[in-house]
Amino acid sequence: MKPGYVYILANKNNTTLYVGVTSNLERRLKQHRTDLNPKSFTSRYKLYKLVYVEMYQMIGEAIAREKQIKAGSRAKKIALIEKENANWDDLW
């Protein structure tokens, strides 16, 4: 089974967040940063900064975690980010 990653992207001012899941983090971030789909949420809001990431051995676990994070409030997402990345640095 493939590994999985759950990640959170933010814009440069940290005002907009995007939670995603992928089996290939490097490829997926390149897709986001090159505006592969110019009409996508991440392109429209310029969400290029990787502020949070979790790795799982199986993609199914990552998908379940993504759903859990997405279901949480914005405050919970911010707390999750700041626990691991208090300065909101670009982890990429």
N, C-alpha and C. Protein backbone atom coordinates (compact mmCIF):
# COMPACT_ATOMS: atom_id res chain seq x y z
N MET A 1 0.84 -1.18 0.00
CA MET A 1 0.00 0.00 0.00
C MET A 1 0.88 1.25 0.00
N LYS A 2 0.38 2.31 -0.59
CA LYS A 2 1.13 3.55 -0.68
C LYS A 2 1.09 4.32 0.64
N PRO A 3 2.17 5.08 0.89
CA PRO A 3 2.13 5.97 2.05
C PRO A 3 1.20 7.14 1.76
N GLY A 4 0.86 7.89 2.78
CA GLY A 4 -0.02 9.03 2.59
C GLY A 4 0.42 10.21 3.42
N TYR A 5 0.06 11.38 2.94
CA TYR A 5 0.39 12.63 3.62
C TYR A 5 -0.86 13.48 3.72
N VAL A 6 -1.06 14.07 4.88
CA VAL A 6 -2.09 15.08 5.08
C VAL A 6 -1.33 16.38 5.23
N TYR A 7 -1.78 17.42 4.55
CA TYR A 7 -1.05 18.67 4.61
C TYR A 7 -2.00 19.85 4.67
N ILE A 8 -1.49 20.96 5.17
CA ILE A 8 -2.24 22.20 5.20
C ILE A 8 -1.40 23.27 4.51
N LEU A 9 -2.03 23.96 3.57
CA LEU A 9 -1.41 25.08 2.87
C LEU A 9 -2.04 26.38 3.35
N ALA A 10 -1.26 27.44 3.30
CA ALA A 10 -1.76 28.78 3.65
C ALA A 10 -1.27 29.78 2.62
N ASN A 11 -1.93 30.93 2.57
CA ASN A 11 -1.44 32.01 1.72
C ASN A 11 -0.36 32.78 2.48
N LYS A 12 0.22 33.80 1.86
CA LYS A 12 1.36 34.48 2.49
C LYS A 12 0.97 35.21 3.79
N ASN A 13 -0.29 35.58 3.93
CA ASN A 13 -0.73 36.27 5.14
C ASN A 13 -1.36 35.33 6.16
N ASN A 14 -1.39 34.05 5.86
CA ASN A 14 -1.96 33.01 6.75
C ASN A 14 -3.44 33.24 7.04
N THR A 15 -4.16 33.80 6.08
CA THR A 15 -5.58 34.08 6.29
C THR A 15 -6.49 33.02 5.69
N THR A 16 -5.99 32.27 4.73
CA THR A 16 -6.79 31.22 4.09
C THR A 16 -6.04 29.90 4.20
N LEU A 17 -6.77 28.82 4.52
CA LEU A 17 -6.17 27.51 4.70
C LEU A 17 -6.79 26.50 3.74
N TYR A 18 -6.00 25.49 3.39
CA TYR A 18 -6.46 24.38 2.56
C TYR A 18 -5.91 23.09 3.15
N VAL A 19 -6.77 22.12 3.36
CA VAL A 19 -6.35 20.82 3.87
C VAL A 19 -6.43 19.82 2.72
N GLY A 20 -5.34 19.09 2.50
CA GLY A 20 -5.31 18.13 1.41
C GLY A 20 -4.68 16.82 1.83
N VAL A 21 -4.78 15.83 0.93
CA VAL A 21 -4.19 14.52 1.15
C VAL A 21 -3.58 14.05 -0.16
N THR A 22 -2.46 13.34 -0.08
CA THR A 22 -1.80 12.85 -1.29
C THR A 22 -0.91 11.67 -0.95
N SER A 23 -0.56 10.90 -1.96
CA SER A 23 0.40 9.83 -1.76
C SER A 23 1.80 10.26 -2.20
N ASN A 24 1.90 11.42 -2.86
CA ASN A 24 3.19 11.93 -3.31
C ASN A 24 3.22 13.43 -3.01
N LEU A 25 3.75 13.80 -1.88
CA LEU A 25 3.73 15.18 -1.41
C LEU A 25 4.50 16.11 -2.34
N GLU A 26 5.68 15.72 -2.77
CA GLU A 26 6.50 16.57 -3.64
C GLU A 26 5.76 16.90 -4.93
N ARG A 27 5.21 15.89 -5.58
CA ARG A 27 4.49 16.10 -6.83
C ARG A 27 3.27 17.00 -6.62
N ARG A 28 2.53 16.75 -5.55
CA ARG A 28 1.30 17.51 -5.29
C ARG A 28 1.60 18.98 -5.00
N LEU A 29 2.65 19.24 -4.24
CA LEU A 29 3.01 20.63 -3.95
C LEU A 29 3.47 21.36 -5.21
N LYS A 30 4.18 20.67 -6.08
CA LYS A 30 4.57 21.28 -7.36
C LYS A 30 3.33 21.61 -8.19
N GLN A 31 2.33 20.74 -8.15
CA GLN A 31 1.08 21.02 -8.87
C GLN A 31 0.41 22.27 -8.32
N HIS A 32 0.36 22.39 -7.01
CA HIS A 32 -0.24 23.58 -6.40
C HIS A 32 0.55 24.83 -6.77
N ARG A 33 1.85 24.78 -6.67
CA ARG A 33 2.69 25.97 -6.86
C ARG A 33 2.81 26.41 -8.31
N THR A 34 2.57 25.51 -9.23
CA THR A 34 2.63 25.88 -10.65
C THR A 34 1.25 26.17 -11.20
N ASP A 35 0.25 26.23 -10.34
CA ASP A 35 -1.13 26.52 -10.76
C ASP A 35 -1.57 25.60 -11.90
N LEU A 36 -1.38 24.30 -11.68
CA LEU A 36 -1.77 23.31 -12.68
C LEU A 36 -3.22 23.51 -13.12
N ASN A 37 -4.08 23.82 -12.17
CA ASN A 37 -5.48 24.13 -12.48
C ASN A 37 -5.74 25.56 -12.00
N PRO A 38 -5.67 26.55 -12.91
CA PRO A 38 -5.78 27.96 -12.52
C PRO A 38 -7.10 28.32 -11.83
N LYS A 39 -8.14 27.52 -11.99
CA LYS A 39 -9.43 27.82 -11.37
C LYS A 39 -9.61 27.12 -10.03
N SER A 40 -8.61 26.39 -9.60
CA SER A 40 -8.71 25.66 -8.33
C SER A 40 -8.68 26.63 -7.15
N PHE A 41 -9.16 26.16 -6.02
CA PHE A 41 -9.18 26.95 -4.78
C PHE A 41 -7.78 27.43 -4.42
N THR A 42 -6.80 26.52 -4.49
CA THR A 42 -5.44 26.88 -4.09
C THR A 42 -4.83 27.91 -5.03
N SER A 43 -5.16 27.86 -6.31
CA SER A 43 -4.65 28.85 -7.26
C SER A 43 -5.31 30.20 -7.06
N ARG A 44 -6.62 30.20 -6.91
CA ARG A 44 -7.36 31.46 -6.75
C ARG A 44 -6.90 32.23 -5.51
N TYR A 45 -6.61 31.52 -4.43
CA TYR A 45 -6.23 32.16 -3.18
C TYR A 45 -4.73 32.13 -2.91
N LYS A 46 -3.96 31.67 -3.89
CA LYS A 46 -2.49 31.62 -3.81
C LYS A 46 -2.00 30.93 -2.54
N LEU A 47 -2.48 29.71 -2.36
CA LEU A 47 -2.11 28.90 -1.19
C LEU A 47 -0.90 28.05 -1.55
N TYR A 48 0.27 28.59 -1.35
CA TYR A 48 1.50 27.91 -1.76
C TYR A 48 2.40 27.54 -0.59
N LYS A 49 2.09 27.99 0.60
CA LYS A 49 2.96 27.79 1.76
C LYS A 49 2.52 26.55 2.54
N LEU A 50 3.41 25.57 2.62
CA LEU A 50 3.16 24.35 3.39
C LEU A 50 3.42 24.65 4.86
N VAL A 51 2.35 24.65 5.67
CA VAL A 51 2.51 25.02 7.08
C VAL A 51 2.33 23.83 8.03
N TYR A 52 1.84 22.71 7.50
CA TYR A 52 1.62 21.53 8.36
C TYR A 52 1.62 20.28 7.50
N VAL A 53 2.19 19.21 8.03
CA VAL A 53 2.17 17.93 7.31
C VAL A 53 2.23 16.77 8.31
N GLU A 54 1.50 15.73 8.00
CA GLU A 54 1.53 14.46 8.76
C GLU A 54 1.77 13.35 7.75
N MET A 55 2.57 12.36 8.10
CA MET A 55 2.85 11.23 7.22
C MET A 55 2.25 9.96 7.80
N TYR A 56 1.69 9.12 6.94
CA TYR A 56 1.10 7.85 7.33
C TYR A 56 1.64 6.74 6.44
N GLN A 57 1.69 5.53 6.99
CA GLN A 57 2.20 4.40 6.22
C GLN A 57 1.24 3.97 5.13
N MET A 58 -0.05 4.22 5.34
CA MET A 58 -1.05 3.82 4.34
C MET A 58 -1.95 5.00 4.01
N ILE A 59 -2.23 5.17 2.73
CA ILE A 59 -3.02 6.30 2.26
C ILE A 59 -4.41 6.33 2.90
N GLY A 60 -4.96 5.19 3.21
CA GLY A 60 -6.28 5.13 3.84
C GLY A 60 -6.30 5.84 5.19
N GLU A 61 -5.23 5.69 5.93
CA GLU A 61 -5.12 6.39 7.22
C GLU A 61 -5.06 7.90 7.01
N ALA A 62 -4.33 8.32 5.99
CA ALA A 62 -4.20 9.75 5.69
C ALA A 62 -5.55 10.33 5.27
N ILE A 63 -6.30 9.59 4.48
CA ILE A 63 -7.62 10.05 4.04
C ILE A 63 -8.55 10.23 5.23
N ALA A 64 -8.52 9.28 6.14
CA ALA A 64 -9.36 9.37 7.35
C ALA A 64 -8.96 10.58 8.18
N ARG A 65 -7.67 10.83 8.31
CA ARG A 65 -7.20 11.97 9.09
C ARG A 65 -7.57 13.29 8.41
N GLU A 66 -7.47 13.33 7.09
CA GLU A 66 -7.86 14.54 6.35
C GLU A 66 -9.32 14.89 6.64
N LYS A 67 -10.17 13.90 6.60
CA LYS A 67 -11.60 14.13 6.88
C LYS A 67 -11.80 14.65 8.30
N GLN A 68 -11.03 14.11 9.24
CA GLN A 68 -11.12 14.55 10.63
C GLN A 68 -10.70 16.02 10.76
N ILE A 69 -9.61 16.38 10.12
CA ILE A 69 -9.12 17.76 10.19
C ILE A 69 -10.10 18.72 9.51
N LYS A 70 -10.59 18.33 8.34
CA LYS A 70 -11.54 19.18 7.61
C LYS A 70 -12.82 19.41 8.40
N ALA A 71 -13.22 18.43 9.17
CA ALA A 71 -14.46 18.54 9.96
C ALA A 71 -14.29 19.47 11.15
N GLY A 72 -13.07 19.74 11.53
CA GLY A 72 -12.80 20.60 12.68
C GLY A 72 -12.94 22.07 12.33
N SER A 73 -13.01 22.88 13.33
CA SER A 73 -13.14 24.32 13.15
C SER A 73 -11.82 24.93 12.68
N ARG A 74 -11.90 26.15 12.22
CA ARG A 74 -10.70 26.89 11.83
C ARG A 74 -9.76 27.03 13.03
N ALA A 75 -10.32 27.28 14.20
CA ALA A 75 -9.51 27.42 15.42
C ALA A 75 -8.72 26.14 15.70
N LYS A 76 -9.33 24.99 15.47
CA LYS A 76 -8.63 23.72 15.69
C LYS A 76 -7.50 23.54 14.68
N LYS A 77 -7.73 23.96 13.43
CA LYS A 77 -6.69 23.86 12.41
C LYS A 77 -5.51 24.77 12.78
N ILE A 78 -5.82 25.97 13.22
CA ILE A 78 -4.77 26.91 13.62
C ILE A 78 -3.98 26.37 14.81
N ALA A 79 -4.66 25.80 15.78
CA ALA A 79 -3.99 25.21 16.95
C ALA A 79 -3.08 24.06 16.52
N LEU A 80 -3.53 23.26 15.58
CA LEU A 80 -2.74 22.13 15.07
C LEU A 80 -1.46 22.65 14.41
N ILE A 81 -1.61 23.67 13.59
CA ILE A 81 -0.45 24.26 12.91
C ILE A 81 0.52 24.85 13.94
N GLU A 82 -0.01 25.66 14.85
CA GLU A 82 0.86 26.38 15.78
C GLU A 82 1.54 25.47 16.80
N LYS A 83 0.97 24.30 17.05
CA LYS A 83 1.61 23.34 17.95
C LYS A 83 2.93 22.85 17.35
N GLU A 84 2.96 22.65 16.04
CA GLU A 84 4.15 22.12 15.36
C GLU A 84 4.97 23.20 14.66
N ASN A 85 4.33 24.31 14.30
CA ASN A 85 4.98 25.32 13.47
C ASN A 85 4.51 26.70 13.92
N ALA A 86 4.96 27.11 15.09
CA ALA A 86 4.47 28.34 15.73
C ALA A 86 4.67 29.59 14.87
N ASN A 87 5.70 29.62 14.05
CA ASN A 87 5.99 30.79 13.21
C ASN A 87 5.34 30.73 11.83
N TRP A 88 4.62 29.67 11.56
CA TRP A 88 3.97 29.48 10.26
C TRP A 88 5.01 29.52 9.13
N ASP A 89 6.17 28.91 9.38
CA ASP A 89 7.20 28.85 8.35
C ASP A 89 6.76 27.94 7.22
N ASP A 90 7.30 28.17 6.03
CA ASP A 90 7.05 27.28 4.90
C ASP A 90 7.92 26.05 5.10
N LEU A 91 7.30 24.91 5.33
CA LEU A 91 8.02 23.67 5.62
C LEU A 91 8.61 23.02 4.38
N TRP A 92 8.28 23.52 3.23
CA TRP A 92 8.79 22.96 2.00
C TRP A 92 10.20 23.46 1.77
